[in-house]
N, C-alpha and C. Protein backbone atom coordinates (compact mmCIF):
# COMPACT_ATOMS: atom_id res chain seq x y z
N UNK A 1 31.41 -26.21 10.39
CA UNK A 1 30.94 -25.96 11.57
C UNK A 1 30.81 -24.41 11.77
N UNK A 2 31.39 -23.68 11.46
CA UNK A 2 31.23 -22.26 11.49
C UNK A 2 29.96 -21.94 10.66
N UNK A 3 29.76 -22.54 9.43
CA UNK A 3 28.43 -22.22 8.69
C UNK A 3 27.26 -22.64 9.61
N UNK A 4 27.47 -23.80 10.00
CA UNK A 4 26.22 -24.34 10.56
C UNK A 4 26.00 -23.57 11.90
N UNK A 5 26.93 -23.04 12.49
CA UNK A 5 26.47 -22.23 13.82
C UNK A 5 25.99 -20.83 13.41
N UNK A 6 26.68 -20.28 12.18
CA UNK A 6 26.12 -19.20 11.68
C UNK A 6 24.70 -19.12 11.49
N UNK A 7 24.28 -20.03 10.52
CA UNK A 7 23.01 -20.52 9.91
C UNK A 7 21.96 -20.32 11.30
N UNK A 8 22.57 -21.18 12.41
CA UNK A 8 21.62 -21.39 13.63
C UNK A 8 21.24 -20.00 14.32
N UNK A 9 22.41 -19.33 14.41
CA UNK A 9 22.22 -17.99 15.15
C UNK A 9 21.34 -16.96 14.18
N UNK A 10 21.38 -17.05 13.01
CA UNK A 10 20.61 -16.26 11.94
C UNK A 10 19.34 -16.72 12.20
N UNK A 11 18.98 -18.00 12.12
CA UNK A 11 17.57 -18.45 12.27
C UNK A 11 17.20 -17.96 13.45
N UNK A 12 17.71 -18.25 14.82
CA UNK A 12 17.27 -18.09 15.92
C UNK A 12 17.05 -16.43 16.02
N UNK A 13 17.67 -15.37 15.54
CA UNK A 13 17.42 -13.97 15.39
C UNK A 13 16.27 -13.67 14.59
N UNK A 14 16.23 -14.47 13.43
CA UNK A 14 14.76 -14.28 12.81
C UNK A 14 13.67 -14.48 13.36
N UNK A 15 13.61 -15.69 14.10
CA UNK A 15 12.72 -16.13 15.00
C UNK A 15 12.48 -15.12 16.10
N UNK A 16 13.40 -14.77 16.71
CA UNK A 16 13.30 -13.77 17.83
C UNK A 16 12.55 -12.33 17.23
N UNK A 17 12.81 -11.89 16.13
CA UNK A 17 12.40 -10.93 15.58
C UNK A 17 10.96 -10.86 15.47
N UNK A 18 10.54 -11.90 14.88
CA UNK A 18 8.88 -12.05 14.74
C UNK A 18 8.36 -12.24 16.26
N UNK A 19 8.85 -13.00 17.12
CA UNK A 19 8.34 -13.17 18.32
C UNK A 19 8.14 -11.68 19.05
N UNK A 20 8.88 -10.67 18.52
CA UNK A 20 8.57 -9.30 19.16
C UNK A 20 7.29 -8.76 18.76
N UNK A 21 6.89 -9.14 17.49
CA UNK A 21 5.71 -8.49 16.99
C UNK A 21 4.46 -8.87 17.50
N UNK A 22 3.52 -8.11 17.88
CA UNK A 22 2.14 -8.38 18.57
C UNK A 22 1.39 -9.40 17.84
N UNK A 23 0.89 -10.20 18.57
CA UNK A 23 -0.08 -11.37 18.05
C UNK A 23 -1.29 -10.74 17.79
N UNK A 24 -1.93 -10.81 16.59
CA UNK A 24 -3.01 -10.01 15.96
C UNK A 24 -4.41 -10.97 15.89
N UNK A 25 -4.04 -12.38 15.86
CA UNK A 25 -4.90 -13.34 15.49
C UNK A 25 -5.39 -14.12 16.82
N UNK A 26 -6.66 -14.24 16.88
CA UNK A 26 -7.57 -15.00 17.88
C UNK A 26 -7.90 -16.17 17.50
N UNK A 27 -7.42 -17.39 17.74
CA UNK A 27 -7.91 -18.65 17.43
C UNK A 27 -9.07 -19.14 17.88
N UNK A 28 -9.54 -18.30 18.92
CA UNK A 28 -10.96 -18.78 19.76
C UNK A 28 -12.09 -18.10 19.01
N UNK A 29 -12.02 -17.12 18.16
CA UNK A 29 -13.19 -16.62 17.37
C UNK A 29 -13.62 -17.55 16.48
N UNK A 30 -14.95 -17.77 16.42
CA UNK A 30 -15.48 -18.30 15.23
C UNK A 30 -15.37 -17.54 13.92
N UNK A 31 -14.46 -17.76 12.99
CA UNK A 31 -14.17 -16.84 11.84
C UNK A 31 -15.33 -16.37 10.97
N UNK A 32 -16.43 -17.22 11.15
CA UNK A 32 -17.58 -16.98 10.28
C UNK A 32 -18.35 -16.04 10.85
N UNK A 33 -18.74 -16.03 12.25
CA UNK A 33 -19.37 -15.08 13.08
C UNK A 33 -18.40 -13.64 13.15
N UNK A 34 -17.20 -13.75 13.06
CA UNK A 34 -16.30 -12.70 12.93
C UNK A 34 -16.52 -11.91 11.90
N UNK A 35 -16.73 -12.53 10.48
CA UNK A 35 -16.78 -11.89 9.40
C UNK A 35 -18.46 -11.34 9.34
N UNK A 36 -19.47 -12.03 9.76
CA UNK A 36 -20.77 -11.36 9.94
C UNK A 36 -20.92 -10.05 10.81
N UNK A 37 -20.13 -10.19 11.88
CA UNK A 37 -20.32 -9.08 12.72
C UNK A 37 -19.38 -7.84 12.01
N UNK A 38 -18.22 -7.99 11.39
CA UNK A 38 -17.58 -7.02 10.62
C UNK A 38 -18.46 -6.30 9.45
N UNK A 39 -19.20 -7.37 8.93
CA UNK A 39 -20.04 -6.85 7.72
C UNK A 39 -21.17 -5.96 8.30
N UNK A 40 -21.94 -6.28 9.40
CA UNK A 40 -22.93 -5.40 10.08
C UNK A 40 -22.30 -4.34 10.39
N UNK A 41 -21.34 -4.19 10.81
CA UNK A 41 -20.46 -2.79 11.38
C UNK A 41 -20.06 -2.12 9.99
N UNK A 42 -19.76 -2.77 8.99
CA UNK A 42 -19.30 -2.01 7.71
C UNK A 42 -20.46 -1.43 7.02
N UNK A 43 -21.56 -2.19 7.20
CA UNK A 43 -23.05 -1.57 6.44
C UNK A 43 -23.39 -0.35 7.35
N UNK A 44 -23.31 -0.54 8.53
CA UNK A 44 -23.77 0.79 9.34
C UNK A 44 -22.90 1.76 9.11
N UNK A 45 -21.57 1.52 8.71
CA UNK A 45 -20.61 2.89 8.59
C UNK A 45 -20.24 3.28 7.15
N UNK A 46 -20.89 2.46 6.12
CA UNK A 46 -20.65 2.87 4.89
C UNK A 46 -19.12 2.30 4.25
N UNK A 47 -18.63 1.29 4.87
CA UNK A 47 -17.16 0.77 4.79
C UNK A 47 -17.34 -0.56 4.07
N UNK A 48 -16.11 -0.98 3.71
CA UNK A 48 -15.92 -2.22 3.10
C UNK A 48 -15.29 -3.03 4.13
N UNK A 49 -15.19 -4.49 4.22
CA UNK A 49 -14.62 -5.20 5.21
C UNK A 49 -13.14 -5.80 4.32
N UNK A 50 -12.04 -5.73 5.06
CA UNK A 50 -11.00 -6.53 4.62
C UNK A 50 -10.62 -7.48 5.61
N UNK A 51 -10.48 -8.59 5.07
CA UNK A 51 -10.29 -9.76 6.11
C UNK A 51 -8.76 -10.03 5.63
N UNK A 52 -7.92 -9.98 6.67
CA UNK A 52 -6.47 -10.51 6.42
C UNK A 52 -6.42 -11.93 7.00
N UNK A 53 -6.45 -12.65 6.26
CA UNK A 53 -6.60 -14.19 6.49
C UNK A 53 -4.96 -14.77 6.55
N UNK A 54 -4.63 -15.37 7.60
CA UNK A 54 -3.54 -16.07 8.03
C UNK A 54 -3.47 -16.41 9.63
N UNK A 55 -2.37 -16.11 10.36
CA UNK A 55 -2.46 -16.59 11.71
C UNK A 55 -1.21 -16.07 12.53
N UNK A 56 -0.87 -16.26 13.84
CA UNK A 56 0.10 -15.92 14.56
C UNK A 56 1.01 -16.88 14.14
N UNK A 57 1.15 -17.94 13.59
CA UNK A 57 2.21 -18.62 13.31
C UNK A 57 2.75 -18.20 11.86
N UNK A 58 2.44 -17.08 11.14
CA UNK A 58 2.86 -16.63 10.13
C UNK A 58 3.76 -15.39 10.32
N UNK A 59 5.09 -15.29 9.98
CA UNK A 59 5.69 -14.14 10.28
C UNK A 59 5.32 -13.09 9.24
N UNK A 60 4.98 -13.16 7.88
CA UNK A 60 4.61 -12.07 7.08
C UNK A 60 3.35 -11.40 7.53
N UNK A 61 2.42 -12.29 8.19
CA UNK A 61 1.11 -12.00 8.56
C UNK A 61 1.37 -10.89 9.56
N UNK A 62 2.12 -11.14 10.57
CA UNK A 62 2.34 -10.26 11.72
C UNK A 62 3.27 -9.08 11.33
N UNK A 63 4.02 -9.25 10.36
CA UNK A 63 4.72 -8.10 9.78
C UNK A 63 3.99 -6.97 9.24
N UNK A 64 2.93 -7.52 8.48
CA UNK A 64 2.15 -6.82 7.67
C UNK A 64 0.98 -6.10 8.53
N UNK A 65 0.44 -6.59 9.59
CA UNK A 65 -0.14 -5.93 10.80
C UNK A 65 0.38 -4.92 11.51
N UNK A 66 1.63 -5.27 11.80
CA UNK A 66 2.55 -4.14 12.47
C UNK A 66 2.85 -3.05 11.51
N UNK A 67 3.25 -3.29 10.27
CA UNK A 67 3.34 -2.22 9.38
C UNK A 67 2.14 -1.37 9.13
N UNK A 68 0.72 -1.67 8.88
CA UNK A 68 -0.07 -1.00 8.69
C UNK A 68 -0.58 -0.08 10.03
N UNK A 69 -0.37 -0.74 11.11
CA UNK A 69 -0.67 0.17 12.35
C UNK A 69 0.43 1.08 12.65
N UNK A 70 1.75 0.92 12.33
CA UNK A 70 2.84 2.07 12.76
C UNK A 70 2.73 3.11 11.93
N UNK A 71 2.30 2.99 10.55
CA UNK A 71 2.31 3.99 9.62
C UNK A 71 0.92 4.63 9.81
N UNK A 72 1.11 5.90 10.15
CA UNK A 72 -0.19 6.68 10.38
C UNK A 72 -0.97 6.98 9.40
N UNK A 73 -0.44 7.29 8.08
CA UNK A 73 -0.98 7.44 6.92
C UNK A 73 -1.92 6.32 6.36
N UNK A 74 -1.29 5.11 6.40
CA UNK A 74 -1.86 4.01 6.05
C UNK A 74 -2.98 3.63 7.01
N UNK A 75 -2.73 3.72 8.23
CA UNK A 75 -3.69 3.58 9.33
C UNK A 75 -5.00 4.40 9.24
N UNK A 76 -4.98 5.58 8.64
CA UNK A 76 -5.96 6.59 8.26
C UNK A 76 -6.55 6.02 7.23
N UNK A 77 -6.15 5.91 6.35
CA UNK A 77 -6.70 5.20 5.19
C UNK A 77 -7.81 3.87 5.43
N UNK A 78 -7.18 3.16 6.21
CA UNK A 78 -7.68 1.68 6.67
C UNK A 78 -8.97 2.18 7.48
N UNK A 79 -8.61 2.94 8.46
CA UNK A 79 -9.72 3.35 9.47
C UNK A 79 -10.92 4.13 8.91
N UNK A 80 -10.58 4.91 7.81
CA UNK A 80 -11.72 5.65 7.26
C UNK A 80 -12.47 4.84 6.35
N UNK A 81 -12.06 3.73 5.82
CA UNK A 81 -12.63 3.03 4.61
C UNK A 81 -13.19 1.41 5.14
N UNK A 82 -12.56 0.96 5.83
CA UNK A 82 -12.66 -0.50 6.02
C UNK A 82 -12.92 -0.73 7.53
N UNK A 83 -13.53 -1.81 7.86
CA UNK A 83 -13.58 -2.61 9.05
C UNK A 83 -12.52 -3.37 8.65
N UNK A 84 -11.41 -3.81 9.41
CA UNK A 84 -10.28 -4.51 9.17
C UNK A 84 -10.29 -5.64 10.01
N UNK A 85 -10.43 -6.91 9.69
CA UNK A 85 -10.26 -8.10 10.76
C UNK A 85 -9.11 -9.01 10.30
N UNK A 86 -8.61 -9.60 11.21
CA UNK A 86 -7.68 -10.73 11.28
C UNK A 86 -8.45 -12.02 11.23
N UNK A 87 -8.55 -12.58 10.34
CA UNK A 87 -9.31 -13.97 10.21
C UNK A 87 -8.41 -15.03 10.38
N UNK A 88 -8.04 -15.78 11.63
CA UNK A 88 -7.17 -16.80 11.94
C UNK A 88 -7.52 -18.11 10.92
N UNK A 89 -6.65 -18.73 10.37
CA UNK A 89 -6.49 -19.80 9.76
C UNK A 89 -4.98 -20.42 9.53
N UNK A 90 -4.93 -21.77 9.68
CA UNK A 90 -3.70 -22.37 9.63
C UNK A 90 -4.37 -23.58 8.67
N UNK A 91 -3.43 -23.56 7.61
CA UNK A 91 -3.49 -24.79 6.47
C UNK A 91 -2.99 -25.88 6.92
N UNK A 92 -2.19 -25.81 8.07
CA UNK A 92 -1.65 -27.14 8.45
C UNK A 92 -2.50 -27.68 9.80
N UNK A 93 -3.34 -26.94 10.53
CA UNK A 93 -3.77 -27.54 11.75
C UNK A 93 -5.32 -26.85 11.74
N UNK A 94 -6.32 -27.50 11.39
CA UNK A 94 -7.66 -26.90 11.62
C UNK A 94 -8.22 -27.28 12.94
N UNK A 95 -8.83 -26.25 13.42
CA UNK A 95 -9.58 -26.73 14.83
C UNK A 95 -10.93 -27.17 14.50
N UNK A 96 -11.38 -26.93 13.29
CA UNK A 96 -12.74 -27.24 12.94
C UNK A 96 -12.77 -27.30 11.37
N UNK A 97 -12.33 -28.28 10.81
CA UNK A 97 -12.25 -28.35 9.22
C UNK A 97 -13.53 -27.98 8.37
N UNK A 98 -14.68 -28.48 8.89
CA UNK A 98 -16.04 -28.06 8.11
C UNK A 98 -16.08 -26.39 8.08
N UNK A 99 -15.83 -25.97 9.40
CA UNK A 99 -16.20 -24.53 9.44
C UNK A 99 -15.05 -23.78 8.77
N UNK A 100 -13.78 -24.25 8.61
CA UNK A 100 -12.63 -23.60 8.00
C UNK A 100 -12.82 -23.55 6.44
N UNK A 101 -13.39 -25.01 5.96
CA UNK A 101 -13.54 -24.87 4.61
C UNK A 101 -14.95 -24.02 4.21
N UNK A 102 -15.76 -23.94 4.99
CA UNK A 102 -16.89 -22.96 4.71
C UNK A 102 -16.28 -21.54 4.65
N UNK A 103 -15.72 -21.22 5.63
CA UNK A 103 -15.06 -19.88 5.74
C UNK A 103 -14.38 -19.51 4.41
N UNK A 104 -13.46 -20.41 4.03
CA UNK A 104 -12.65 -20.09 2.82
C UNK A 104 -13.33 -20.12 1.51
N UNK A 105 -14.26 -21.01 1.59
CA UNK A 105 -15.46 -20.92 0.27
C UNK A 105 -15.84 -19.71 0.38
N UNK A 106 -16.74 -19.16 1.41
CA UNK A 106 -17.06 -17.77 1.52
C UNK A 106 -16.21 -16.54 1.00
N UNK A 107 -14.96 -16.76 1.46
CA UNK A 107 -14.06 -15.72 0.94
C UNK A 107 -13.27 -15.93 -0.53
N UNK A 108 -13.92 -16.87 -1.18
CA UNK A 108 -13.49 -17.14 -2.40
C UNK A 108 -12.32 -17.97 -2.67
N UNK A 109 -11.96 -18.80 -1.62
CA UNK A 109 -10.94 -19.71 -1.30
C UNK A 109 -9.67 -18.98 -1.96
N UNK A 110 -9.20 -17.88 -0.98
CA UNK A 110 -8.17 -17.10 -1.24
C UNK A 110 -6.76 -17.62 -0.86
N UNK A 111 -6.78 -18.92 0.03
CA UNK A 111 -5.46 -19.57 0.23
C UNK A 111 -4.38 -19.86 -0.82
N UNK A 112 -5.04 -20.15 -1.94
CA UNK A 112 -4.08 -20.32 -3.30
C UNK A 112 -3.21 -19.47 -3.49
N UNK A 113 -3.30 -18.09 -2.84
CA UNK A 113 -2.10 -17.26 -3.05
C UNK A 113 -1.22 -17.11 -1.67
N UNK A 114 -1.20 -17.89 -0.75
CA UNK A 114 -0.27 -18.05 0.26
C UNK A 114 -0.94 -17.08 1.29
N UNK A 115 0.11 -16.83 2.27
CA UNK A 115 -0.50 -15.92 3.67
C UNK A 115 0.37 -14.80 4.00
N UNK A 116 0.14 -13.77 4.29
CA UNK A 116 -1.17 -13.43 4.67
C UNK A 116 -1.78 -13.26 3.00
N UNK A 117 -3.29 -13.15 3.08
CA UNK A 117 -3.95 -12.83 1.84
C UNK A 117 -5.22 -12.03 2.41
N UNK A 118 -5.54 -11.13 1.56
CA UNK A 118 -6.49 -9.87 1.99
C UNK A 118 -7.81 -10.05 0.85
N UNK A 119 -8.96 -10.36 1.64
CA UNK A 119 -10.05 -10.48 0.85
C UNK A 119 -11.04 -9.10 1.10
N UNK A 120 -11.25 -8.48 0.12
CA UNK A 120 -12.12 -7.05 0.61
C UNK A 120 -13.67 -7.74 0.06
N UNK A 121 -14.21 -7.49 1.03
CA UNK A 121 -15.95 -7.76 0.76
C UNK A 121 -16.54 -6.37 0.81
N UNK A 122 -17.62 -6.52 -0.18
CA UNK A 122 -18.32 -5.38 -0.26
C UNK A 122 -19.31 -5.04 0.76
N UNK A 123 -20.22 -3.99 0.80
CA UNK A 123 -21.07 -3.99 1.97
C UNK A 123 -22.43 -5.09 1.94
N UNK A 124 -22.26 -5.53 0.54
CA UNK A 124 -23.23 -6.81 0.58
C UNK A 124 -22.73 -8.02 1.02
N UNK A 125 -21.55 -8.12 1.20
CA UNK A 125 -20.87 -9.46 1.90
C UNK A 125 -20.11 -10.17 0.78
N UNK A 126 -20.38 -9.82 -0.66
CA UNK A 126 -19.64 -10.53 -1.50
C UNK A 126 -18.20 -9.98 -1.68
N UNK A 127 -17.28 -11.13 -2.15
CA UNK A 127 -16.16 -10.81 -2.34
C UNK A 127 -15.86 -9.77 -3.60
N UNK A 128 -15.00 -8.71 -3.33
CA UNK A 128 -14.95 -7.99 -4.61
C UNK A 128 -13.54 -7.80 -5.09
N UNK A 129 -12.56 -8.44 -4.15
CA UNK A 129 -11.09 -8.45 -4.43
C UNK A 129 -10.24 -9.31 -3.67
N UNK A 130 -9.37 -10.26 -4.17
CA UNK A 130 -8.44 -10.94 -3.25
C UNK A 130 -7.17 -10.35 -3.58
N UNK A 131 -6.35 -9.91 -2.69
CA UNK A 131 -5.09 -9.46 -2.80
C UNK A 131 -4.00 -10.59 -2.33
N UNK A 132 -3.19 -10.92 -3.18
CA UNK A 132 -1.95 -11.86 -3.10
C UNK A 132 -0.94 -10.79 -2.35
N UNK A 133 -0.58 -10.91 -1.18
CA UNK A 133 0.27 -10.11 -0.55
C UNK A 133 1.79 -10.15 -0.98
N UNK A 134 2.23 -10.89 -1.81
CA UNK A 134 3.60 -10.89 -2.14
C UNK A 134 3.70 -9.70 -3.25
N UNK A 135 2.68 -9.31 -3.86
CA UNK A 135 2.93 -8.10 -4.65
C UNK A 135 2.92 -6.80 -3.77
N UNK A 136 2.93 -6.94 -2.56
CA UNK A 136 3.02 -5.70 -1.56
C UNK A 136 4.37 -5.78 -0.85
N UNK A 137 4.99 -6.71 -1.00
CA UNK A 137 6.39 -6.88 -0.27
C UNK A 137 7.34 -6.25 -1.07
N UNK A 138 8.52 -5.99 -0.11
CA UNK A 138 9.68 -5.32 -0.45
C UNK A 138 10.77 -6.02 0.56
N UNK A 139 11.61 -6.55 0.20
CA UNK A 139 12.78 -7.24 0.92
C UNK A 139 12.22 -7.90 2.15
N UNK A 140 12.48 -7.40 3.29
CA UNK A 140 11.73 -8.20 4.52
C UNK A 140 10.66 -7.62 4.80
N UNK A 141 9.97 -6.73 4.42
CA UNK A 141 8.78 -6.32 4.69
C UNK A 141 8.00 -5.73 3.76
N UNK A 142 7.32 -4.58 3.81
CA UNK A 142 6.29 -4.36 2.86
C UNK A 142 6.52 -2.81 2.05
N UNK A 143 6.01 -2.62 0.69
CA UNK A 143 6.55 -1.18 0.40
C UNK A 143 5.22 -0.26 0.62
N UNK A 144 5.34 0.90 1.30
CA UNK A 144 4.39 1.51 1.34
C UNK A 144 3.36 2.11 0.13
N UNK A 145 4.08 2.32 -0.73
CA UNK A 145 3.45 2.86 -2.06
C UNK A 145 2.38 1.94 -2.51
N UNK A 146 2.84 0.58 -2.57
CA UNK A 146 2.09 -0.41 -3.00
C UNK A 146 0.98 -0.81 -2.04
N UNK A 147 1.02 -0.71 -0.79
CA UNK A 147 0.15 -0.89 0.26
C UNK A 147 -0.86 0.18 0.25
N UNK A 148 -0.55 1.53 0.07
CA UNK A 148 -1.42 2.38 -0.27
C UNK A 148 -2.21 2.29 -1.55
N UNK A 149 -1.49 1.82 -2.47
CA UNK A 149 -2.33 1.82 -3.74
C UNK A 149 -3.30 0.81 -3.62
N UNK A 150 -2.87 -0.31 -2.93
CA UNK A 150 -4.13 -1.62 -2.85
C UNK A 150 -5.04 -0.99 -1.75
N UNK A 151 -4.95 -0.52 -0.89
CA UNK A 151 -5.99 0.09 0.05
C UNK A 151 -6.86 1.06 -0.89
N UNK A 152 -6.33 2.17 -1.31
CA UNK A 152 -6.89 3.39 -2.07
C UNK A 152 -7.74 2.81 -3.21
N UNK A 153 -7.16 1.87 -3.89
CA UNK A 153 -7.91 1.23 -5.00
C UNK A 153 -9.05 0.42 -4.74
N UNK A 154 -9.23 0.11 -3.24
CA UNK A 154 -10.49 -0.65 -3.18
C UNK A 154 -11.38 0.03 -1.80
N UNK A 155 -11.31 1.31 -1.86
CA UNK A 155 -12.30 1.99 -0.89
C UNK A 155 -13.64 1.90 -1.64
N UNK A 156 -14.68 2.01 -0.78
CA UNK A 156 -15.91 2.08 -1.12
C UNK A 156 -16.11 3.19 -2.22
N UNK A 157 -15.42 4.44 -2.02
CA UNK A 157 -15.56 5.44 -3.20
C UNK A 157 -14.78 5.23 -4.34
N UNK A 158 -13.91 4.36 -4.30
CA UNK A 158 -13.16 4.15 -5.44
C UNK A 158 -13.87 3.10 -6.46
N UNK A 159 -14.41 2.08 -5.73
CA UNK A 159 -15.08 1.01 -6.36
C UNK A 159 -16.51 1.58 -6.92
N UNK A 160 -17.07 2.60 -6.33
CA UNK A 160 -18.41 3.04 -6.83
C UNK A 160 -18.31 4.13 -7.55
N UNK A 161 -17.05 4.64 -7.87
CA UNK A 161 -17.04 6.04 -8.51
C UNK A 161 -17.49 5.75 -10.15
N UNK A 162 -17.97 6.66 -10.62
CA UNK A 162 -18.66 6.62 -11.83
C UNK A 162 -17.86 7.65 -12.91
């Protein structure tokens, strides 16, 4: 009985910790239109687009969004080089299955890596990299060095360097 109570308390605390994280995904946005707008902005600014695909249902998605927002060095690298968007997708519950399939196809079917998954789009709109987030994790969060390496390795300058 003690074990069950302990497990229940730990599960409740874990859920509560994620409930405190800001919700960053908007389920009311058409993801294809969101991507198109981000690409137009990126082309204007000489940046790439990073799509963080996942949802408010995903604790790791919210942790990552919080992690990169709170760390000033990471936030600067992201802001200087990318138009960063949170593309809402729930593999268990689709609001518009045909649209979601088209969006995933456009992004190179990144869901095979789990969530969150990061898709880097070049200024031409083509997928240039899909990043499995598990390689950026450490414990119950993310490793700053690995995250910085990911972002710095896929900046427009890094990709087009000769």
